[in-house]
């Protein structure tokens, strides 16, 4: 699934419905969805950022930032998921009924 793309020298991001919008229109909810897909989907793609590919200065700033954060998160995906699972396991153990924990 492609999350970020560069078309006609402009950065675009994937919307919930699968279409793409210009990166300068991105909202907090869109960013959270991109993060969720980055962590949960196995097959993720991003068009690599370059100053030459993205001509619009606003798009350069936003696309570069989002691209760098998502690719960094993707590279640390397994560590992030493992830490999250451990954190929830500790919470689960704390709320489990006492007799179940003693068995």
PDB file of N, CA and C in Angstrom:
ATOM      1  N   UNK A   1       0.860  -1.162   0.000  1.00  0.00           N
ATOM      2  CA  UNK A   1       0.000   0.000   0.000  1.00  0.00           C
ATOM      3  C   UNK A   1       0.913   1.233   0.000  1.00  0.00           C
ATOM      4  N   UNK A   2       0.710   2.098  -0.952  1.00  0.00           N
ATOM      5  CA  UNK A   2       1.492   3.328  -1.024  1.00  0.00           C
ATOM      6  C   UNK A   2       0.816   4.388  -0.166  1.00  0.00           C
ATOM      7  N   UNK A   3       1.613   5.008   0.733  1.00  0.00           N
ATOM      8  CA  UNK A   3       1.073   6.027   1.630  1.00  0.00           C
ATOM      9  C   UNK A   3       1.442   7.440   1.199  1.00  0.00           C
ATOM     10  N   UNK A   4       2.631   7.600   0.634  1.00  0.00           N
ATOM     11  CA  UNK A   4       3.088   8.908   0.165  1.00  0.00           C
ATOM     12  C   UNK A   4       3.558   8.776  -1.271  1.00  0.00           C
ATOM     13  N   UNK A   5       3.186   9.759  -2.100  1.00  0.00           N
ATOM     14  CA  UNK A   5       3.641   9.743  -3.486  1.00  0.00           C
ATOM     15  C   UNK A   5       3.929  11.154  -3.965  1.00  0.00           C
ATOM     16  N   UNK A   6       4.768  11.227  -4.974  1.00  0.00           N
ATOM     17  CA  UNK A   6       5.102  12.502  -5.600  1.00  0.00           C
ATOM     18  C   UNK A   6       4.588  12.439  -7.035  1.00  0.00           C
ATOM     19  N   UNK A   7       3.690  13.369  -7.363  1.00  0.00           N
ATOM     20  CA  UNK A   7       3.082  13.424  -8.692  1.00  0.00           C
ATOM     21  C   UNK A   7       3.087  14.880  -9.148  1.00  0.00           C
ATOM     22  N   UNK A   8       3.539  15.115 -10.364  1.00  0.00           N
ATOM     23  CA  UNK A   8       3.590  16.478 -10.919  1.00  0.00           C
ATOM     24  C   UNK A   8       4.324  17.441  -9.992  1.00  0.00           C
ATOM     25  N   UNK A   9       5.440  16.979  -9.434  1.00  0.00           N
ATOM     26  CA  UNK A   9       6.306  17.782  -8.560  1.00  0.00           C
ATOM     27  C   UNK A   9       5.635  18.225  -7.258  1.00  0.00           C
ATOM     28  N   UNK A  10       4.573  17.527  -6.847  1.00  0.00           N
ATOM     29  CA  UNK A  10       3.866  17.825  -5.599  1.00  0.00           C
ATOM     30  C   UNK A  10       3.764  16.560  -4.763  1.00  0.00           C
ATOM     31  N   UNK A  11       3.851  16.731  -3.436  1.00  0.00           N
ATOM     32  CA  UNK A  11       3.689  15.610  -2.527  1.00  0.00           C
ATOM     33  C   UNK A  11       2.219  15.325  -2.264  1.00  0.00           C
ATOM     34  N   UNK A  12       1.896  14.040  -2.153  1.00  0.00           N
ATOM     35  CA  UNK A  12       0.527  13.601  -1.876  1.00  0.00           C
ATOM     36  C   UNK A  12       0.547  12.523  -0.800  1.00  0.00           C
ATOM     37  N   UNK A  13      -0.558  12.415  -0.068  1.00  0.00           N
ATOM     38  CA  UNK A  13      -0.705  11.373   0.950  1.00  0.00           C
ATOM     39  C   UNK A  13      -2.009  10.626   0.709  1.00  0.00           C
ATOM     40  N   UNK A  14      -2.049   9.382   1.177  1.00  0.00           N
ATOM     41  CA  UNK A  14      -3.213   8.509   0.983  1.00  0.00           C
ATOM     42  C   UNK A  14      -4.318   8.883   1.967  1.00  0.00           C
ATOM     43  N   UNK A  15      -5.511   8.992   1.431  1.00  0.00           N
ATOM     44  CA  UNK A  15      -6.703   9.232   2.245  1.00  0.00           C
ATOM     45  C   UNK A  15      -7.314   7.904   2.673  1.00  0.00           C
ATOM     46  N   UNK A  16      -8.251   7.964   3.571  1.00  0.00           N
ATOM     47  CA  UNK A  16      -8.930   6.767   4.082  1.00  0.00           C
ATOM     48  C   UNK A  16      -9.574   5.949   2.960  1.00  0.00           C
ATOM     49  N   UNK A  17     -10.117   6.636   1.951  1.00  0.00           N
ATOM     50  CA  UNK A  17     -10.809   5.939   0.860  1.00  0.00           C
ATOM     51  C   UNK A  17      -9.859   5.409  -0.219  1.00  0.00           C
ATOM     52  N   UNK A  18      -8.545   5.619  -0.040  1.00  0.00           N
ATOM     53  CA  UNK A  18      -7.571   5.112  -1.002  1.00  0.00           C
ATOM     54  C   UNK A  18      -7.122   6.118  -2.043  1.00  0.00           C
ATOM     55  N   UNK A  19      -7.819   7.238  -2.139  1.00  0.00           N
ATOM     56  CA  UNK A  19      -7.389   8.283  -3.071  1.00  0.00           C
ATOM     57  C   UNK A  19      -6.266   9.085  -2.410  1.00  0.00           C
ATOM     58  N   UNK A  20      -5.714  10.038  -3.146  1.00  0.00           N
ATOM     59  CA  UNK A  20      -4.609  10.844  -2.624  1.00  0.00           C
ATOM     60  C   UNK A  20      -4.980  12.318  -2.640  1.00  0.00           C
ATOM     61  N   UNK A  21      -4.418  13.055  -1.675  1.00  0.00           N
ATOM     62  CA  UNK A  21      -4.619  14.501  -1.583  1.00  0.00           C
ATOM     63  C   UNK A  21      -3.246  15.155  -1.452  1.00  0.00           C
ATOM     64  N   UNK A  22      -3.177  16.435  -1.773  1.00  0.00           N
ATOM     65  CA  UNK A  22      -1.922  17.154  -1.661  1.00  0.00           C
ATOM     66  C   UNK A  22      -1.491  17.233  -0.197  1.00  0.00           C
ATOM     67  N   UNK A  23      -0.205  17.076   0.019  1.00  0.00           N
ATOM     68  CA  UNK A  23       0.358  16.944   1.366  1.00  0.00           C
ATOM     69  C   UNK A  23       0.133  18.175   2.236  1.00  0.00           C
ATOM     70  N   UNK A  24      -0.019  19.347   1.638  1.00  0.00           N
ATOM     71  CA  UNK A  24      -0.237  20.537   2.467  1.00  0.00           C
ATOM     72  C   UNK A  24      -1.654  20.602   3.034  1.00  0.00           C
ATOM     73  N   UNK A  25      -2.508  19.667   2.665  1.00  0.00           N
ATOM     74  CA  UNK A  25      -3.885  19.591   3.183  1.00  0.00           C
ATOM     75  C   UNK A  25      -4.017  18.570   4.313  1.00  0.00           C
ATOM     76  N   UNK A  26      -2.911  17.978   4.742  1.00  0.00           N
ATOM     77  CA  UNK A  26      -2.950  16.891   5.729  1.00  0.00           C
ATOM     78  C   UNK A  26      -3.441  17.406   7.089  1.00  0.00           C
ATOM     79  N   UNK A  27      -4.241  16.587   7.763  1.00  0.00           N
ATOM     80  CA  UNK A  27      -4.773  16.915   9.087  1.00  0.00           C
ATOM     81  C   UNK A  27      -4.168  15.977  10.134  1.00  0.00           C
ATOM     82  N   UNK A  28      -4.437  16.264  11.382  1.00  0.00           N
ATOM     83  CA  UNK A  28      -3.969  15.402  12.466  1.00  0.00           C
ATOM     84  C   UNK A  28      -4.529  13.992  12.311  1.00  0.00           C
ATOM     85  N   UNK A  29      -5.794  13.879  11.945  1.00  0.00           N
ATOM     86  CA  UNK A  29      -6.417  12.569  11.762  1.00  0.00           C
ATOM     87  C   UNK A  29      -5.753  11.806  10.621  1.00  0.00           C
ATOM     88  N   UNK A  30      -5.405  12.519   9.556  1.00  0.00           N
ATOM     89  CA  UNK A  30      -4.705  11.879   8.435  1.00  0.00           C
ATOM     90  C   UNK A  30      -3.349  11.345   8.879  1.00  0.00           C
ATOM     91  N   UNK A  31      -2.627  12.133   9.655  1.00  0.00           N
ATOM     92  CA  UNK A  31      -1.315  11.703  10.163  1.00  0.00           C
ATOM     93  C   UNK A  31      -1.445  10.464  11.044  1.00  0.00           C
ATOM     94  N   UNK A  32      -2.437  10.465  11.913  1.00  0.00           N
ATOM     95  CA  UNK A  32      -2.648   9.306  12.780  1.00  0.00           C
ATOM     96  C   UNK A  32      -2.974   8.057  11.965  1.00  0.00           C
ATOM     97  N   UNK A  33      -3.751   8.209  10.911  1.00  0.00           N
ATOM     98  CA  UNK A  33      -4.081   7.080  10.040  1.00  0.00           C
ATOM     99  C   UNK A  33      -2.823   6.569   9.339  1.00  0.00           C
ATOM    100  N   UNK A  34      -1.960   7.479   8.857  1.00  0.00           N
ATOM    101  CA  UNK A  34      -0.715   7.076   8.212  1.00  0.00           C
ATOM    102  C   UNK A  34       0.193   6.331   9.190  1.00  0.00           C
ATOM    103  N   UNK A  35       0.240   6.800  10.430  1.00  0.00           N
ATOM    104  CA  UNK A  35       1.033   6.121  11.458  1.00  0.00           C
ATOM    105  C   UNK A  35       0.468   4.730  11.723  1.00  0.00           C
ATOM    106  N   UNK A  36      -0.849   4.639  11.835  1.00  0.00           N
ATOM    107  CA  UNK A  36      -1.497   3.343  12.070  1.00  0.00           C
ATOM    108  C   UNK A  36      -1.187   2.375  10.937  1.00  0.00           C
ATOM    109  N   UNK A  37      -1.324   2.821   9.697  1.00  0.00           N
ATOM    110  CA  UNK A  37      -1.005   1.957   8.556  1.00  0.00           C
ATOM    111  C   UNK A  37       0.465   1.568   8.557  1.00  0.00           C
ATOM    112  N   UNK A  38       1.335   2.505   8.886  1.00  0.00           N
ATOM    113  CA  UNK A  38       2.771   2.234   8.913  1.00  0.00           C
ATOM    114  C   UNK A  38       3.096   1.130   9.916  1.00  0.00           C
ATOM    115  N   UNK A  39       2.411   1.123  11.043  1.00  0.00           N
ATOM    116  CA  UNK A  39       2.668   0.120  12.070  1.00  0.00           C
ATOM    117  C   UNK A  39       1.932  -1.195  11.832  1.00  0.00           C
ATOM    118  N   UNK A  40       0.778  -1.155  11.197  1.00  0.00           N
ATOM    119  CA  UNK A  40      -0.051  -2.362  11.108  1.00  0.00           C
ATOM    120  C   UNK A  40       0.029  -3.101   9.778  1.00  0.00           C
ATOM    121  N   UNK A  41       0.318  -2.415   8.698  1.00  0.00           N
ATOM    122  CA  UNK A  41       0.336  -3.054   7.381  1.00  0.00           C
ATOM    123  C   UNK A  41       1.719  -3.621   7.074  1.00  0.00           C
ATOM    124  N   UNK A  42       1.751  -4.776   6.403  1.00  0.00           N
ATOM    125  CA  UNK A  42       3.027  -5.402   6.057  1.00  0.00           C
ATOM    126  C   UNK A  42       3.655  -4.808   4.809  1.00  0.00           C
ATOM    127  N   UNK A  43       2.843  -4.433   3.832  1.00  0.00           N
ATOM    128  CA  UNK A  43       3.361  -3.965   2.546  1.00  0.00           C
ATOM    129  C   UNK A  43       3.103  -2.465   2.391  1.00  0.00           C
ATOM    130  N   UNK A  44       4.076  -1.662   2.797  1.00  0.00           N
ATOM    131  CA  UNK A  44       3.949  -0.201   2.774  1.00  0.00           C
ATOM    132  C   UNK A  44       5.009   0.376   1.846  1.00  0.00           C
ATOM    133  N   UNK A  45       4.621   1.415   1.074  1.00  0.00           N
ATOM    134  CA  UNK A  45       5.559   2.096   0.185  1.00  0.00           C
ATOM    135  C   UNK A  45       5.419   3.605   0.353  1.00  0.00           C
ATOM    136  N   UNK A  46       6.531   4.290   0.125  1.00  0.00           N
ATOM    137  CA  UNK A  46       6.558   5.749   0.106  1.00  0.00           C
ATOM    138  C   UNK A  46       7.454   6.152  -1.060  1.00  0.00           C
ATOM    139  N   UNK A  47       7.059   7.168  -1.819  1.00  0.00           N
ATOM    140  CA  UNK A  47       7.983   7.726  -2.797  1.00  0.00           C
ATOM    141  C   UNK A  47       9.069   8.458  -2.017  1.00  0.00           C
ATOM    142  N   UNK A  48      10.316   8.164  -2.353  1.00  0.00           N
ATOM    143  CA  UNK A  48      11.433   8.772  -1.630  1.00  0.00           C
ATOM    144  C   UNK A  48      11.484  10.272  -1.873  1.00  0.00           C
ATOM    145  N   UNK A  49      11.724  11.010  -0.803  1.00  0.00           N
ATOM    146  CA  UNK A  49      11.785  12.461  -0.901  1.00  0.00           C
ATOM    147  C   UNK A  49      13.084  12.915  -1.555  1.00  0.00           C
ATOM    148  N   UNK A  50      12.974  13.936  -2.410  1.00  0.00           N
ATOM    149  CA  UNK A  50      14.152  14.659  -2.901  1.00  0.00           C
ATOM    150  C   UNK A  50      13.714  16.074  -3.262  1.00  0.00           C
ATOM    151  N   UNK A  51      14.634  17.024  -3.060  1.00  0.00           N
ATOM    152  CA  UNK A  51      14.334  18.419  -3.398  1.00  0.00           C
ATOM    153  C   UNK A  51      14.015  18.570  -4.879  1.00  0.00           C
ATOM    154  N   UNK A  52      14.658  17.758  -5.703  1.00  0.00           N
ATOM    155  CA  UNK A  52      14.442  17.842  -7.152  1.00  0.00           C
ATOM    156  C   UNK A  52      13.058  17.332  -7.557  1.00  0.00           C
ATOM    157  N   UNK A  53      12.555  16.349  -6.840  1.00  0.00           N
ATOM    158  CA  UNK A  53      11.264  15.757  -7.203  1.00  0.00           C
ATOM    159  C   UNK A  53      10.085  16.627  -6.769  1.00  0.00           C
ATOM    160  N   UNK A  54      10.220  17.310  -5.634  1.00  0.00           N
ATOM    161  CA  UNK A  54       9.134  18.141  -5.103  1.00  0.00           C
ATOM    162  C   UNK A  54       9.540  19.603  -5.279  1.00  0.00           C
ATOM    163  N   UNK A  55       8.833  20.303  -6.142  1.00  0.00           N
ATOM    164  CA  UNK A  55       9.189  21.689  -6.473  1.00  0.00           C
ATOM    165  C   UNK A  55       8.529  22.724  -5.568  1.00  0.00           C
ATOM    166  N   UNK A  56       7.313  22.467  -5.129  1.00  0.00           N
ATOM    167  CA  UNK A  56       6.571  23.389  -4.276  1.00  0.00           C
ATOM    168  C   UNK A  56       7.221  23.433  -2.895  1.00  0.00           C
ATOM    169  N   UNK A  57       7.602  24.621  -2.435  1.00  0.00           N
ATOM    170  CA  UNK A  57       8.345  24.736  -1.180  1.00  0.00           C
ATOM    171  C   UNK A  57       7.534  24.266   0.032  1.00  0.00           C
ATOM    172  N   UNK A  58       6.267  24.586   0.084  1.00  0.00           N
ATOM    173  CA  UNK A  58       5.422  24.127   1.194  1.00  0.00           C
ATOM    174  C   UNK A  58       5.341  22.603   1.194  1.00  0.00           C
ATOM    175  N   UNK A  59       5.199  22.022   0.019  1.00  0.00           N
ATOM    176  CA  UNK A  59       5.136  20.570  -0.102  1.00  0.00           C
ATOM    177  C   UNK A  59       6.470  19.948   0.305  1.00  0.00           C
ATOM    178  N   UNK A  60       7.588  20.609  -0.044  1.00  0.00           N
ATOM    179  CA  UNK A  60       8.912  20.103   0.338  1.00  0.00           C
ATOM    180  C   UNK A  60       9.015  19.959   1.850  1.00  0.00           C
ATOM    181  N   UNK A  61       8.630  21.006   2.563  1.00  0.00           N
ATOM    182  CA  UNK A  61       8.753  21.016   4.018  1.00  0.00           C
ATOM    183  C   UNK A  61       7.884  19.936   4.651  1.00  0.00           C
ATOM    184  N   UNK A  62       6.616  19.889   4.269  1.00  0.00           N
ATOM    185  CA  UNK A  62       5.677  18.949   4.891  1.00  0.00           C
ATOM    186  C   UNK A  62       5.993  17.517   4.468  1.00  0.00           C
ATOM    187  N   UNK A  63       6.197  17.288   3.162  1.00  0.00           N
ATOM    188  CA  UNK A  63       6.457  15.929   2.669  1.00  0.00           C
ATOM    189  C   UNK A  63       7.725  15.373   3.302  1.00  0.00           C
ATOM    190  N   UNK A  64       8.791  16.170   3.322  1.00  0.00           N
ATOM    191  CA  UNK A  64      10.068  15.709   3.886  1.00  0.00           C
ATOM    192  C   UNK A  64       9.896  15.310   5.349  1.00  0.00           C
ATOM    193  N   UNK A  65       9.208  16.130   6.116  1.00  0.00           N
ATOM    194  CA  UNK A  65       8.999  15.841   7.529  1.00  0.00           C
ATOM    195  C   UNK A  65       8.186  14.562   7.735  1.00  0.00           C
ATOM    196  N   UNK A  66       7.069  14.444   7.033  1.00  0.00           N
ATOM    197  CA  UNK A  66       6.209  13.262   7.169  1.00  0.00           C
ATOM    198  C   UNK A  66       6.955  12.020   6.685  1.00  0.00           C
ATOM    199  N   UNK A  67       7.624  12.120   5.555  1.00  0.00           N
ATOM    200  CA  UNK A  67       8.385  10.994   4.995  1.00  0.00           C
ATOM    201  C   UNK A  67       9.437  10.503   5.990  1.00  0.00           C
ATOM    202  N   UNK A  68      10.224  11.427   6.546  1.00  0.00           N
ATOM    203  CA  UNK A  68      11.280  11.039   7.482  1.00  0.00           C
ATOM    204  C   UNK A  68      10.716  10.387   8.734  1.00  0.00           C
ATOM    205  N   UNK A  69       9.646  10.941   9.274  1.00  0.00           N
ATOM    206  CA  UNK A  69       9.054  10.378  10.495  1.00  0.00           C
ATOM    207  C   UNK A  69       8.456   8.997  10.243  1.00  0.00           C
ATOM    208  N   UNK A  70       7.745   8.827   9.123  1.00  0.00           N
ATOM    209  CA  UNK A  70       7.131   7.532   8.842  1.00  0.00           C
ATOM    210  C   UNK A  70       8.172   6.461   8.526  1.00  0.00           C
ATOM    211  N   UNK A  71       9.213   6.819   7.772  1.00  0.00           N
ATOM    212  CA  UNK A  71      10.239   5.819   7.463  1.00  0.00           C
ATOM    213  C   UNK A  71      11.023   5.442   8.723  1.00  0.00           C
ATOM    214  N   UNK A  72      11.257   6.396   9.619  1.00  0.00           N
ATOM    215  CA  UNK A  72      11.932   6.079  10.884  1.00  0.00           C
ATOM    216  C   UNK A  72      11.055   5.166  11.738  1.00  0.00           C
ATOM    217  N   UNK A  73       9.772   5.496  11.820  1.00  0.00           N
ATOM    218  CA  UNK A  73       8.836   4.664  12.572  1.00  0.00           C
ATOM    219  C   UNK A  73       8.769   3.262  11.977  1.00  0.00           C
ATOM    220  N   UNK A  74       8.733   3.176  10.667  1.00  0.00           N
ATOM    221  CA  UNK A  74       8.677   1.877   9.984  1.00  0.00           C
ATOM    222  C   UNK A  74       9.914   1.040  10.297  1.00  0.00           C
ATOM    223  N   UNK A  75      11.067   1.682  10.334  1.00  0.00           N
ATOM    224  CA  UNK A  75      12.297   0.943  10.615  1.00  0.00           C
ATOM    225  C   UNK A  75      12.337   0.441  12.059  1.00  0.00           C
ATOM    226  N   UNK A  76      11.621   1.114  12.951  1.00  0.00           N
ATOM    227  CA  UNK A  76      11.571   0.711  14.362  1.00  0.00           C
ATOM    228  C   UNK A  76      10.255   0.007  14.697  1.00  0.00           C
ATOM    229  N   UNK A  77       9.523  -0.400  13.699  1.00  0.00           N
ATOM    230  CA  UNK A  77       8.180  -0.967  13.865  1.00  0.00           C
ATOM    231  C   UNK A  77       8.159  -2.137  14.851  1.00  0.00           C
ATOM    232  N   UNK A  78       9.016  -3.136  14.662  1.00  0.00           N
ATOM    233  CA  UNK A  78       8.985  -4.316  15.534  1.00  0.00           C
ATOM    234  C   UNK A  78       9.273  -3.951  16.977  1.00  0.00           C
ATOM    235  N   UNK A  79      10.247  -3.098  17.198  1.00  0.00           N
ATOM    236  CA  UNK A  79      10.574  -2.673  18.557  1.00  0.00           C
ATOM    237  C   UNK A  79       9.391  -1.939  19.182  1.00  0.00           C
ATOM    238  N   UNK A  80       8.763  -1.050  18.424  1.00  0.00           N
ATOM    239  CA  UNK A  80       7.621  -0.279  18.908  1.00  0.00           C
ATOM    240  C   UNK A  80       6.454  -1.206  19.264  1.00  0.00           C
ATOM    241  N   UNK A  81       6.148  -2.169  18.400  1.00  0.00           N
ATOM    242  CA  UNK A  81       5.038  -3.100  18.636  1.00  0.00           C
ATOM    243  C   UNK A  81       5.332  -3.965  19.856  1.00  0.00           C
ATOM    244  N   UNK A  82       6.576  -4.468  19.975  1.00  0.00           N
ATOM    245  CA  UNK A  82       6.948  -5.285  21.131  1.00  0.00           C
ATOM    246  C   UNK A  82       6.812  -4.502  22.434  1.00  0.00           C
ATOM    247  N   UNK A  83       7.291  -3.255  22.443  1.00  0.00           N
ATOM    248  CA  UNK A  83       7.192  -2.431  23.650  1.00  0.00           C
ATOM    249  C   UNK A  83       5.739  -2.155  24.006  1.00  0.00           C
ATOM    250  N   UNK A  84       4.906  -1.901  23.000  1.00  0.00           N
ATOM    251  CA  UNK A  84       3.485  -1.649  23.248  1.00  0.00           C
ATOM    252  C   UNK A  84       2.812  -2.880  23.841  1.00  0.00           C
ATOM    253  N   UNK A  85       3.128  -4.052  23.291  1.00  0.00           N
ATOM    254  CA  UNK A  85       2.529  -5.278  23.803  1.00  0.00           C
ATOM    255  C   UNK A  85       2.959  -5.538  25.235  1.00  0.00           C
ATOM    256  N   UNK A  86       4.236  -5.287  25.549  1.00  0.00           N
ATOM    257  CA  UNK A  86       4.720  -5.472  26.922  1.00  0.00           C
ATOM    258  C   UNK A  86       4.018  -4.510  27.877  1.00  0.00           C
ATOM    259  N   UNK A  87       3.809  -3.280  27.436  1.00  0.00           N
ATOM    260  CA  UNK A  87       3.157  -2.293  28.269  1.00  0.00           C
ATOM    261  C   UNK A  87       1.714  -2.725  28.564  1.00  0.00           C
ATOM    262  N   UNK A  88       0.987  -3.190  27.557  1.00  0.00           N
ATOM    263  CA  UNK A  88      -0.386  -3.625  27.763  1.00  0.00           C
ATOM    264  C   UNK A  88      -0.447  -4.909  28.574  1.00  0.00           C
ATOM    265  N   UNK A  89       0.556  -5.783  28.441  1.00  0.00           N
ATOM    266  CA  UNK A  89       0.586  -7.003  29.233  1.00  0.00           C
ATOM    267  C   UNK A  89       0.717  -6.662  30.714  1.00  0.00           C
ATOM    268  N   UNK A  90       1.572  -5.700  31.030  1.00  0.00           N
ATOM    269  CA  UNK A  90       1.732  -5.285  32.431  1.00  0.00           C
ATOM    270  C   UNK A  90       0.413  -4.735  32.973  1.00  0.00           C
ATOM    271  N   UNK A  91      -0.286  -3.928  32.186  1.00  0.00           N
ATOM    272  CA  UNK A  91      -1.591  -3.404  32.605  1.00  0.00           C
ATOM    273  C   UNK A  91      -2.596  -4.533  32.777  1.00  0.00           C
ATOM    274  N   UNK A  92      -2.608  -5.481  31.828  1.00  0.00           N
ATOM    275  CA  UNK A  92      -3.519  -6.616  31.895  1.00  0.00           C
ATOM    276  C   UNK A  92      -3.273  -7.428  33.166  1.00  0.00           C
ATOM    277  N   UNK A  93      -1.998  -7.703  33.453  1.00  0.00           N
ATOM    278  CA  UNK A  93      -1.654  -8.468  34.648  1.00  0.00           C
ATOM    279  C   UNK A  93      -2.139  -7.754  35.912  1.00  0.00           C
ATOM    280  N   UNK A  94      -2.078  -6.436  35.915  1.00  0.00           N
ATOM    281  CA  UNK A  94      -2.512  -5.667  37.068  1.00  0.00           C
ATOM    282  C   UNK A  94      -4.014  -5.715  37.301  1.00  0.00           C
ATOM    283  N   UNK A  95      -4.792  -5.892  36.246  1.00  0.00           N
ATOM    284  CA  UNK A  95      -6.250  -5.906  36.366  1.00  0.00           C
ATOM    285  C   UNK A  95      -6.846  -7.302  36.421  1.00  0.00           C
ATOM    286  N   UNK A  96      -6.042  -8.309  36.165  1.00  0.00           N
ATOM    287  CA  UNK A  96      -6.529  -9.685  36.212  1.00  0.00           C
ATOM    288  C   UNK A  96      -6.967 -10.055  37.614  1.00  0.00           C
ATOM    289  N   UNK A  97      -8.026 -10.859  37.757  1.00  0.00           N
ATOM    290  CA  UNK A  97      -8.457 -11.294  39.096  1.00  0.00           C
ATOM    291  C   UNK A  97      -7.317 -12.014  39.804  1.00  0.00           C
ATOM    292  N   UNK A  98      -7.209 -11.824  41.108  1.00  0.00           N
ATOM    293  CA  UNK A  98      -6.097 -12.347  41.903  1.00  0.00           C
ATOM    294  C   UNK A  98      -5.974 -13.860  41.778  1.00  0.00           C
ATOM    295  N   UNK A  99      -7.077 -14.629  41.866  1.00  0.00           N
ATOM    296  CA  UNK A  99      -6.989 -16.081  41.820  1.00  0.00           C
ATOM    297  C   UNK A  99      -6.476 -16.578  40.470  1.00  0.00           C
ATOM    298  N   UNK A 100      -6.792 -15.902  39.369  1.00  0.00           N
ATOM    299  CA  UNK A 100      -6.268 -16.294  38.058  1.00  0.00           C
ATOM    300  C   UNK A 100      -4.770 -16.117  38.020  1.00  0.00           C
ATOM    301  N   UNK A 101      -4.286 -15.041  38.598  1.00  0.00           N
ATOM    302  CA  UNK A 101      -2.846 -14.736  38.578  1.00  0.00           C
ATOM    303  C   UNK A 101      -2.061 -15.767  39.408  1.00  0.00           C
ATOM    304  N   UNK A 102      -2.688 -16.344  40.445  1.00  0.00           N
ATOM    305  CA  UNK A 102      -2.007 -17.287  41.322  1.00  0.00           C
ATOM    306  C   UNK A 102      -1.973 -18.702  40.745  1.00  0.00           C
ATOM    307  N   UNK A 103      -2.787 -18.998  39.767  1.00  0.00           N
ATOM    308  CA  UNK A 103      -2.845 -20.356  39.213  1.00  0.00           C
ATOM    309  C   UNK A 103      -1.612 -20.722  38.476  1.00  0.00           C
TER     310      UNK A 103
END
